[in-house]
Protein backbone atom coordinates (compact mmCIF):
# COMPACT_ATOMS: atom_id res chain seq x y z
CA UNK A 1 0.00 0.00 0.00
CA UNK A 2 1.34 3.44 -0.90
CA UNK A 3 0.67 6.57 1.15
CA UNK A 4 1.07 10.26 0.46
CA UNK A 5 3.39 11.89 3.02
CA UNK A 6 1.40 15.10 3.48
CA UNK A 7 -0.62 15.94 6.55
CA UNK A 8 -4.34 16.51 6.74
CA UNK A 9 -6.82 18.20 9.01
CA UNK A 10 -9.88 16.40 10.28
CA UNK A 11 -12.88 17.87 12.03
CA UNK A 12 -15.25 15.78 14.09
CA UNK A 13 -18.81 17.15 13.97
CA UNK A 14 -21.90 16.12 15.87
CA UNK A 15 -25.58 16.70 15.15
CA UNK A 16 -26.17 18.05 18.65
CA UNK A 17 -24.13 19.83 21.30
CA UNK A 18 -25.03 18.02 24.51
CA UNK A 19 -22.99 15.81 26.86
CA UNK A 20 -23.94 12.65 24.96
CA UNK A 21 -22.75 14.24 21.70
CA UNK A 22 -19.44 15.20 23.33
CA UNK A 23 -18.99 11.66 24.62
CA UNK A 24 -19.72 10.18 21.17
CA UNK A 25 -17.30 12.63 19.53
CA UNK A 26 -14.60 11.63 22.02
CA UNK A 27 -15.21 7.95 21.34
CA UNK A 28 -14.97 8.55 17.58
CA UNK A 29 -11.80 10.61 18.09
CA UNK A 30 -10.26 7.75 20.06
CA UNK A 31 -10.94 5.36 17.16
CA UNK A 32 -9.43 7.78 14.64
CA UNK A 33 -6.35 8.26 16.82
CA UNK A 34 -5.80 4.51 17.29
CA UNK A 35 -6.24 3.83 13.57
CA UNK A 36 -3.80 6.63 12.70
CA UNK A 37 -1.22 5.28 15.16
CA UNK A 38 -1.50 1.80 13.60
CA UNK A 39 -0.32 3.37 10.30
CA UNK A 40 2.54 5.24 11.94
CA UNK A 41 0.75 8.59 11.85
CA UNK A 42 0.87 11.21 14.57
CA UNK A 43 -2.11 13.24 15.75
CA UNK A 44 -2.21 16.76 17.15
CA UNK A 45 -5.49 18.19 18.41
CA UNK A 46 -6.27 21.89 18.10
CA UNK A 47 -8.51 22.36 21.12
CA UNK A 48 -8.51 26.17 21.14
CA UNK A 49 -10.38 26.24 17.81
CA UNK A 50 -13.30 24.58 19.55
CA UNK A 51 -12.97 25.87 23.13
CA UNK A 52 -13.13 29.54 22.19
CA UNK A 53 -16.76 30.21 21.15
CA UNK A 54 -15.84 32.88 18.56
CA UNK A 55 -13.44 30.49 16.78
CA UNK A 56 -15.92 27.62 16.93
CA UNK A 57 -18.74 29.73 15.49
CA UNK A 58 -16.48 31.09 12.77
CA UNK A 59 -15.30 27.57 11.84
CA UNK A 60 -18.91 26.40 11.64
CA UNK A 61 -19.82 29.33 9.38
CA UNK A 62 -16.69 28.96 7.25
CA UNK A 63 -17.60 25.35 6.52
CA UNK A 64 -21.28 26.21 5.94
CA UNK A 65 -22.28 23.60 8.51
CA UNK A 66 -25.32 23.33 10.72
CA UNK A 67 -23.52 20.61 12.70
CA UNK A 68 -21.34 21.29 15.73
CA UNK A 69 -17.55 21.02 15.40
CA UNK A 70 -16.19 19.15 18.42
CA UNK A 71 -12.47 18.73 17.65
CA UNK A 72 -9.97 19.71 14.98
CA UNK A 73 -7.17 17.22 14.51
CA UNK A 74 -4.02 17.36 12.41
CA UNK A 75 -2.86 13.93 11.27
CA UNK A 76 0.40 13.27 9.48
CA UNK A 77 3.61 11.31 9.35
CA UNK A 78 6.28 12.51 11.79
CA UNK A 79 9.52 13.91 10.44
CA UNK A 80 12.34 11.37 10.52
CA UNK A 81 14.36 13.40 13.02
CA UNK A 82 11.55 12.97 15.58
CA UNK A 83 11.43 9.19 15.31
CA UNK A 84 13.26 7.06 17.84
CA UNK A 85 15.34 4.10 16.70
């Protein structure tokens, strides 16, 4: 299997914005993170984009979404100099 070495940004959305939705988003995020790790990918969450209401609202509008963004995640291969032998 061949992979592109560029990073990507992922956003987990939910239909609602209640505690159950947050829990489900966290469970989904965990699955994404574990799958990424199994392919040697690193993940970096961008919590401030969601925790600051102005950023969250702007992100939602920018993406023309009626759903609620719960987490923004950068996924990519680590640079070789950061890998341990």
